[in-house]
Amino acid sequence: MATEEQIRELAYSIWEQEGRPEGKNVEHYYRSRQILEEQEAAPPAAKAQLPPVSSLQLPSPPKPVERLTSKRRSKKA
């Protein structure tokens, strides 16, 4: 089983890669725990092919959508 320290380190890494958003600590913690548990549950042959947790590249967060305000709409029209 993953240790509390491993879960927290991975959660911190996810938090940093997502741009350090506020209020997502619980989400990051449970996502980290799930990732580590899935790695542990993988069959032995698959475990040999898995990269170490420290080298995981998490997907980058989606880019914010630019919303047009009333001022921008009037300029573009």
PDB file of N, CA and C in Angstrom:
ATOM      1  N   MET A   1       0.839  -1.178   0.000  1.00  0.00           N
ATOM      2  CA  MET A   1       0.000   0.000   0.000  1.00  0.00           C
ATOM      3  C   MET A   1       0.886   1.243   0.000  1.00  0.00           C
ATOM      4  N   ALA A   2       0.407   2.256  -0.700  1.00  0.00           N
ATOM      5  CA  ALA A   2       1.153   3.509  -0.776  1.00  0.00           C
ATOM      6  C   ALA A   2       1.181   4.179   0.592  1.00  0.00           C
ATOM      7  N   THR A   3       2.300   4.772   0.897  1.00  0.00           N
ATOM      8  CA  THR A   3       2.407   5.469   2.178  1.00  0.00           C
ATOM      9  C   THR A   3       1.773   6.853   2.068  1.00  0.00           C
ATOM     10  N   GLU A   4       1.455   7.405   3.207  1.00  0.00           N
ATOM     11  CA  GLU A   4       0.872   8.751   3.262  1.00  0.00           C
ATOM     12  C   GLU A   4       1.831   9.760   2.625  1.00  0.00           C
ATOM     13  N   GLU A   5       3.115   9.576   2.853  1.00  0.00           N
ATOM     14  CA  GLU A   5       4.116  10.484   2.288  1.00  0.00           C
ATOM     15  C   GLU A   5       4.122  10.418   0.760  1.00  0.00           C
ATOM     16  N   GLN A   6       4.021   9.209   0.189  1.00  0.00           N
ATOM     17  CA  GLN A   6       3.992   9.064  -1.266  1.00  0.00           C
ATOM     18  C   GLN A   6       2.760   9.746  -1.860  1.00  0.00           C
ATOM     19  N   ILE A   7       1.624   9.562  -1.206  1.00  0.00           N
ATOM     20  CA  ILE A   7       0.382  10.170  -1.684  1.00  0.00           C
ATOM     21  C   ILE A   7       0.511  11.687  -1.660  1.00  0.00           C
ATOM     22  N   ARG A   8       1.024  12.221  -0.572  1.00  0.00           N
ATOM     23  CA  ARG A   8       1.154  13.676  -0.447  1.00  0.00           C
ATOM     24  C   ARG A   8       2.151  14.250  -1.452  1.00  0.00           C
ATOM     25  N   GLU A   9       3.245  13.540  -1.689  1.00  0.00           N
ATOM     26  CA  GLU A   9       4.230  14.020  -2.657  1.00  0.00           C
ATOM     27  C   GLU A   9       3.639  14.066  -4.065  1.00  0.00           C
ATOM     28  N   LEU A  10       2.899  13.025  -4.431  1.00  0.00           N
ATOM     29  CA  LEU A  10       2.283  13.005  -5.751  1.00  0.00           C
ATOM     30  C   LEU A  10       1.192  14.072  -5.845  1.00  0.00           C
ATOM     31  N   ALA A  11       0.407  14.241  -4.791  1.00  0.00           N
ATOM     32  CA  ALA A  11      -0.635  15.277  -4.779  1.00  0.00           C
ATOM     33  C   ALA A  11      -0.008  16.660  -4.942  1.00  0.00           C
ATOM     34  N   TYR A  12       1.100  16.891  -4.280  1.00  0.00           N
ATOM     35  CA  TYR A  12       1.800  18.176  -4.395  1.00  0.00           C
ATOM     36  C   TYR A  12       2.285  18.387  -5.831  1.00  0.00           C
ATOM     37  N   SER A  13       2.804  17.334  -6.430  1.00  0.00           N
ATOM     38  CA  SER A  13       3.279  17.414  -7.804  1.00  0.00           C
ATOM     39  C   SER A  13       2.122  17.750  -8.759  1.00  0.00           C
ATOM     40  N   ILE A  14       0.981  17.109  -8.554  1.00  0.00           N
ATOM     41  CA  ILE A  14      -0.196  17.390  -9.381  1.00  0.00           C
ATOM     42  C   ILE A  14      -0.618  18.846  -9.195  1.00  0.00           C
ATOM     43  N   TRP A  15      -0.635  19.295  -7.952  1.00  0.00           N
ATOM     44  CA  TRP A  15      -1.016  20.671  -7.635  1.00  0.00           C
ATOM     45  C   TRP A  15      -0.118  21.668  -8.359  1.00  0.00           C
ATOM     46  N   GLU A  16       1.179  21.418  -8.342  1.00  0.00           N
ATOM     47  CA  GLU A  16       2.122  22.313  -9.020  1.00  0.00           C
ATOM     48  C   GLU A  16       1.915  22.293 -10.530  1.00  0.00           C
ATOM     49  N   GLN A  17       1.710  21.090 -11.104  1.00  0.00           N
ATOM     50  CA  GLN A  17       1.538  20.983 -12.548  1.00  0.00           C
ATOM     51  C   GLN A  17       0.244  21.632 -13.030  1.00  0.00           C
ATOM     52  N   GLU A  18      -0.738  21.732 -12.148  1.00  0.00           N
ATOM     53  CA  GLU A  18      -2.003  22.369 -12.524  1.00  0.00           C
ATOM     54  C   GLU A  18      -1.993  23.874 -12.254  1.00  0.00           C
ATOM     55  N   GLY A  19      -0.855  24.407 -11.882  1.00  0.00           N
ATOM     56  CA  GLY A  19      -0.751  25.848 -11.676  1.00  0.00           C
ATOM     57  C   GLY A  19      -1.090  26.304 -10.276  1.00  0.00           C
ATOM     58  N   ARG A  20      -1.004  25.402  -9.308  1.00  0.00           N
ATOM     59  CA  ARG A  20      -1.241  25.695  -7.895  1.00  0.00           C
ATOM     60  C   ARG A  20      -2.623  26.292  -7.618  1.00  0.00           C
ATOM     61  N   PRO A  21      -3.683  25.637  -8.109  1.00  0.00           N
ATOM     62  CA  PRO A  21      -5.022  26.169  -7.849  1.00  0.00           C
ATOM     63  C   PRO A  21      -5.412  26.012  -6.390  1.00  0.00           C
ATOM     64  N   GLU A  22      -6.184  26.962  -5.893  1.00  0.00           N
ATOM     65  CA  GLU A  22      -6.635  26.893  -4.506  1.00  0.00           C
ATOM     66  C   GLU A  22      -7.871  26.006  -4.402  1.00  0.00           C
ATOM     67  N   GLY A  23      -8.002  25.325  -3.269  1.00  0.00           N
ATOM     68  CA  GLY A  23      -9.204  24.569  -2.973  1.00  0.00           C
ATOM     69  C   GLY A  23      -9.323  23.218  -3.640  1.00  0.00           C
ATOM     70  N   LYS A  24      -8.251  22.695  -4.218  1.00  0.00           N
ATOM     71  CA  LYS A  24      -8.319  21.395  -4.876  1.00  0.00           C
ATOM     72  C   LYS A  24      -7.485  20.348  -4.154  1.00  0.00           C
ATOM     73  N   ASN A  25      -7.093  20.625  -2.925  1.00  0.00           N
ATOM     74  CA  ASN A  25      -6.206  19.723  -2.197  1.00  0.00           C
ATOM     75  C   ASN A  25      -6.825  18.340  -1.991  1.00  0.00           C
ATOM     76  N   VAL A  26      -8.114  18.282  -1.696  1.00  0.00           N
ATOM     77  CA  VAL A  26      -8.756  16.985  -1.469  1.00  0.00           C
ATOM     78  C   VAL A  26      -8.819  16.204  -2.782  1.00  0.00           C
ATOM     79  N   GLU A  27      -9.159  16.885  -3.864  1.00  0.00           N
ATOM     80  CA  GLU A  27      -9.205  16.232  -5.177  1.00  0.00           C
ATOM     81  C   GLU A  27      -7.837  15.673  -5.553  1.00  0.00           C
ATOM     82  N   HIS A  28      -6.795  16.457  -5.345  1.00  0.00           N
ATOM     83  CA  HIS A  28      -5.434  16.016  -5.673  1.00  0.00           C
ATOM     84  C   HIS A  28      -5.016  14.834  -4.797  1.00  0.00           C
ATOM     85  N   TYR A  29      -5.388  14.872  -3.539  1.00  0.00           N
ATOM     86  CA  TYR A  29      -5.032  13.784  -2.621  1.00  0.00           C
ATOM     87  C   TYR A  29      -5.657  12.469  -3.090  1.00  0.00           C
ATOM     88  N   TYR A  30      -6.959  12.482  -3.367  1.00  0.00           N
ATOM     89  CA  TYR A  30      -7.627  11.239  -3.766  1.00  0.00           C
ATOM     90  C   TYR A  30      -7.196  10.765  -5.148  1.00  0.00           C
ATOM     91  N   ARG A  31      -6.908  11.697  -6.051  1.00  0.00           N
ATOM     92  CA  ARG A  31      -6.411  11.294  -7.365  1.00  0.00           C
ATOM     93  C   ARG A  31      -5.036  10.637  -7.222  1.00  0.00           C
ATOM     94  N   SER A  32      -4.195  11.188  -6.356  1.00  0.00           N
ATOM     95  CA  SER A  32      -2.866  10.618  -6.113  1.00  0.00           C
ATOM     96  C   SER A  32      -2.979   9.223  -5.523  1.00  0.00           C
ATOM     97  N   ARG A  33      -3.857   9.084  -4.546  1.00  0.00           N
ATOM     98  CA  ARG A  33      -4.048   7.777  -3.913  1.00  0.00           C
ATOM     99  C   ARG A  33      -4.526   6.751  -4.933  1.00  0.00           C
ATOM    100  N   GLN A  34      -5.444   7.160  -5.814  1.00  0.00           N
ATOM    101  CA  GLN A  34      -5.950   6.250  -6.835  1.00  0.00           C
ATOM    102  C   GLN A  34      -4.841   5.842  -7.808  1.00  0.00           C
ATOM    103  N   ILE A  35      -4.031   6.793  -8.235  1.00  0.00           N
ATOM    104  CA  ILE A  35      -2.925   6.496  -9.152  1.00  0.00           C
ATOM    105  C   ILE A  35      -1.982   5.476  -8.527  1.00  0.00           C
ATOM    106  N   LEU A  36      -1.610   5.707  -7.274  1.00  0.00           N
ATOM    107  CA  LEU A  36      -0.668   4.807  -6.606  1.00  0.00           C
ATOM    108  C   LEU A  36      -1.285   3.427  -6.364  1.00  0.00           C
ATOM    109  N   GLU A  37      -2.565   3.377  -6.017  1.00  0.00           N
ATOM    110  CA  GLU A  37      -3.220   2.088  -5.802  1.00  0.00           C
ATOM    111  C   GLU A  37      -3.332   1.304  -7.112  1.00  0.00           C
ATOM    112  N   GLU A  38      -3.602   2.002  -8.218  1.00  0.00           N
ATOM    113  CA  GLU A  38      -3.662   1.332  -9.519  1.00  0.00           C
ATOM    114  C   GLU A  38      -2.298   0.777  -9.905  1.00  0.00           C
ATOM    115  N   GLN A  39      -1.240   1.513  -9.587  1.00  0.00           N
ATOM    116  CA  GLN A  39       0.100   1.012  -9.881  1.00  0.00           C
ATOM    117  C   GLN A  39       0.395  -0.249  -9.075  1.00  0.00           C
ATOM    118  N   GLU A  40      -0.011  -0.250  -7.811  1.00  0.00           N
ATOM    119  CA  GLU A  40       0.239  -1.413  -6.966  1.00  0.00           C
ATOM    120  C   GLU A  40      -0.591  -2.619  -7.389  1.00  0.00           C
ATOM    121  N   ALA A  41      -1.800  -2.373  -7.902  1.00  0.00           N
ATOM    122  CA  ALA A  41      -2.693  -3.455  -8.283  1.00  0.00           C
ATOM    123  C   ALA A  41      -2.342  -4.042  -9.645  1.00  0.00           C
ATOM    124  N   ALA A  42      -1.482  -3.399 -10.385  1.00  0.00           N
ATOM    125  CA  ALA A  42      -1.107  -3.888 -11.713  1.00  0.00           C
ATOM    126  C   ALA A  42      -0.400  -5.233 -11.586  1.00  0.00           C
ATOM    127  N   PRO A  43      -0.619  -6.117 -12.569  1.00  0.00           N
ATOM    128  CA  PRO A  43       0.070  -7.412 -12.540  1.00  0.00           C
ATOM    129  C   PRO A  43       1.597  -7.220 -12.537  1.00  0.00           C
ATOM    130  N   PRO A  44       2.336  -8.184 -11.997  1.00  0.00           N
ATOM    131  CA  PRO A  44       3.805  -8.034 -11.904  1.00  0.00           C
ATOM    132  C   PRO A  44       4.471  -7.680 -13.236  1.00  0.00           C
ATOM    133  N   ALA A  45       4.016  -8.278 -14.346  1.00  0.00           N
ATOM    134  CA  ALA A  45       4.624  -7.967 -15.640  1.00  0.00           C
ATOM    135  C   ALA A  45       4.384  -6.513 -16.015  1.00  0.00           C
ATOM    136  N   ALA A  46       3.209  -6.014 -15.714  1.00  0.00           N
ATOM    137  CA  ALA A  46       2.892  -4.624 -16.032  1.00  0.00           C
ATOM    138  C   ALA A  46       3.660  -3.674 -15.119  1.00  0.00           C
ATOM    139  N   LYS A  47       3.891  -4.073 -13.864  1.00  0.00           N
ATOM    140  CA  LYS A  47       4.634  -3.226 -12.936  1.00  0.00           C
ATOM    141  C   LYS A  47       6.049  -2.957 -13.435  1.00  0.00           C
ATOM    142  N   ALA A  48       6.643  -3.953 -14.061  1.00  0.00           N
ATOM    143  CA  ALA A  48       8.005  -3.785 -14.562  1.00  0.00           C
ATOM    144  C   ALA A  48       8.057  -2.741 -15.671  1.00  0.00           C
ATOM    145  N   GLN A  49       6.937  -2.541 -16.370  1.00  0.00           N
ATOM    146  CA  GLN A  49       6.900  -1.591 -17.471  1.00  0.00           C
ATOM    147  C   GLN A  49       6.506  -0.187 -17.022  1.00  0.00           C
ATOM    148  N   LEU A  50       5.981  -0.045 -15.814  1.00  0.00           N
ATOM    149  CA  LEU A  50       5.533   1.257 -15.338  1.00  0.00           C
ATOM    150  C   LEU A  50       6.719   2.134 -14.944  1.00  0.00           C
ATOM    151  N   PRO A  51       6.666   3.417 -15.307  1.00  0.00           N
ATOM    152  CA  PRO A  51       7.726   4.325 -14.872  1.00  0.00           C
ATOM    153  C   PRO A  51       7.545   4.631 -13.385  1.00  0.00           C
ATOM    154  N   PRO A  52       8.587   5.064 -12.719  1.00  0.00           N
ATOM    155  CA  PRO A  52       8.431   5.438 -11.314  1.00  0.00           C
ATOM    156  C   PRO A  52       7.471   6.619 -11.183  1.00  0.00           C
ATOM    157  N   VAL A  53       6.803   6.701 -10.046  1.00  0.00           N
ATOM    158  CA  VAL A  53       5.822   7.752  -9.801  1.00  0.00           C
ATOM    159  C   VAL A  53       6.436   9.132  -9.990  1.00  0.00           C
ATOM    160  N   SER A  54       7.674   9.298  -9.592  1.00  0.00           N
ATOM    161  CA  SER A  54       8.316  10.606  -9.675  1.00  0.00           C
ATOM    162  C   SER A  54       8.485  11.089 -11.113  1.00  0.00           C
ATOM    163  N   SER A  55       8.436  10.179 -12.092  1.00  0.00           N
ATOM    164  CA  SER A  55       8.612  10.590 -13.481  1.00  0.00           C
ATOM    165  C   SER A  55       7.298  10.686 -14.248  1.00  0.00           C
ATOM    166  N   LEU A  56       6.177  10.535 -13.559  1.00  0.00           N
ATOM    167  CA  LEU A  56       4.883  10.612 -14.240  1.00  0.00           C
ATOM    168  C   LEU A  56       4.655  12.004 -14.802  1.00  0.00           C
ATOM    169  N   GLN A  57       4.198  12.059 -16.028  1.00  0.00           N
ATOM    170  CA  GLN A  57       3.825  13.319 -16.647  1.00  0.00           C
ATOM    171  C   GLN A  57       2.305  13.381 -16.645  1.00  0.00           C
ATOM    172  N   LEU A  58       1.768  14.232 -15.829  1.00  0.00           N
ATOM    173  CA  LEU A  58       0.326  14.374 -15.748  1.00  0.00           C
ATOM    174  C   LEU A  58      -0.144  15.284 -16.868  1.00  0.00           C
ATOM    175  N   PRO A  59      -1.377  15.094 -17.323  1.00  0.00           N
ATOM    176  CA  PRO A  59      -1.859  15.960 -18.393  1.00  0.00           C
ATOM    177  C   PRO A  59      -1.923  17.401 -17.915  1.00  0.00           C
ATOM    178  N   SER A  60      -1.636  18.306 -18.837  1.00  0.00           N
ATOM    179  CA  SER A  60      -1.690  19.714 -18.466  1.00  0.00           C
ATOM    180  C   SER A  60      -3.143  20.131 -18.330  1.00  0.00           C
ATOM    181  N   PRO A  61      -3.405  21.075 -17.445  1.00  0.00           N
ATOM    182  CA  PRO A  61      -4.785  21.502 -17.240  1.00  0.00           C
ATOM    183  C   PRO A  61      -5.321  22.204 -18.480  1.00  0.00           C
ATOM    184  N   PRO A  62      -6.625  22.175 -18.678  1.00  0.00           N
ATOM    185  CA  PRO A  62      -7.182  22.849 -19.852  1.00  0.00           C
ATOM    186  C   PRO A  62      -6.944  24.351 -19.773  1.00  0.00           C
ATOM    187  N   LYS A  63      -6.757  24.939 -20.927  1.00  0.00           N
ATOM    188  CA  LYS A  63      -6.525  26.385 -20.967  1.00  0.00           C
ATOM    189  C   LYS A  63      -7.852  27.104 -20.744  1.00  0.00           C
ATOM    190  N   PRO A  64      -7.823  28.225 -20.035  1.00  0.00           N
ATOM    191  CA  PRO A  64      -9.063  28.957 -19.789  1.00  0.00           C
ATOM    192  C   PRO A  64      -9.653  29.487 -21.088  1.00  0.00           C
ATOM    193  N   VAL A  65     -10.947  29.503 -21.141  1.00  0.00           N
ATOM    194  CA  VAL A  65     -11.648  30.000 -22.316  1.00  0.00           C
ATOM    195  C   VAL A  65     -11.761  31.515 -22.200  1.00  0.00           C
ATOM    196  N   GLU A  66     -11.383  32.206 -23.260  1.00  0.00           N
ATOM    197  CA  GLU A  66     -11.493  33.663 -23.244  1.00  0.00           C
ATOM    198  C   GLU A  66     -12.947  34.019 -23.505  1.00  0.00           C
ATOM    199  N   ARG A  67     -13.497  34.752 -22.598  1.00  0.00           N
ATOM    200  CA  ARG A  67     -14.898  35.141 -22.744  1.00  0.00           C
ATOM    201  C   ARG A  67     -14.957  36.595 -23.196  1.00  0.00           C
ATOM    202  N   LEU A  68     -15.847  36.848 -24.099  1.00  0.00           N
ATOM    203  CA  LEU A  68     -16.003  38.202 -24.607  1.00  0.00           C
ATOM    204  C   LEU A  68     -16.907  38.993 -23.675  1.00  0.00           C
ATOM    205  N   THR A  69     -16.405  40.105 -23.236  1.00  0.00           N
ATOM    206  CA  THR A  69     -17.228  40.981 -22.409  1.00  0.00           C
ATOM    207  C   THR A  69     -17.976  41.934 -23.314  1.00  0.00           C
ATOM    208  N   SER A  70     -18.888  42.664 -22.775  1.00  0.00           N
ATOM    209  CA  SER A  70     -19.668  43.594 -23.597  1.00  0.00           C
ATOM    210  C   SER A  70     -18.765  44.628 -24.251  1.00  0.00           C
ATOM    211  N   LYS A  71     -17.682  45.031 -23.575  1.00  0.00           N
ATOM    212  CA  LYS A  71     -16.756  46.011 -24.146  1.00  0.00           C
ATOM    213  C   LYS A  71     -16.040  45.427 -25.364  1.00  0.00           C
ATOM    214  N   ARG A  72     -15.596  44.182 -25.259  1.00  0.00           N
ATOM    215  CA  ARG A  72     -14.879  43.543 -26.376  1.00  0.00           C
ATOM    216  C   ARG A  72     -15.823  43.283 -27.543  1.00  0.00           C
ATOM    217  N   ARG A  73     -17.049  42.926 -27.252  1.00  0.00           N
ATOM    218  CA  ARG A  73     -18.006  42.671 -28.331  1.00  0.00           C
ATOM    219  C   ARG A  73     -18.243  43.932 -29.146  1.00  0.00           C
ATOM    220  N   SER A  74     -18.374  45.052 -28.448  1.00  0.00           N
ATOM    221  CA  SER A  74     -18.650  46.297 -29.171  1.00  0.00           C
ATOM    222  C   SER A  74     -17.448  46.729 -29.999  1.00  0.00           C
ATOM    223  N   LYS A  75     -16.232  46.429 -29.569  1.00  0.00           N
ATOM    224  CA  LYS A  75     -15.029  46.793 -30.320  1.00  0.00           C
ATOM    225  C   LYS A  75     -14.912  45.943 -31.590  1.00  0.00           C
ATOM    226  N   LYS A  76     -15.273  44.651 -31.479  1.00  0.00           N
ATOM    227  CA  LYS A  76     -15.122  43.748 -32.615  1.00  0.00           C
ATOM    228  C   LYS A  76     -16.224  43.942 -33.651  1.00  0.00           C
ATOM    229  N   ALA A  77     -17.352  44.450 -33.255  1.00  0.00           N
ATOM    230  CA  ALA A  77     -18.496  44.579 -34.164  1.00  0.00           C
ATOM    231  C   ALA A  77     -18.339  45.720 -35.130  1.00  0.00           C
TER     232      ALA A  77
END
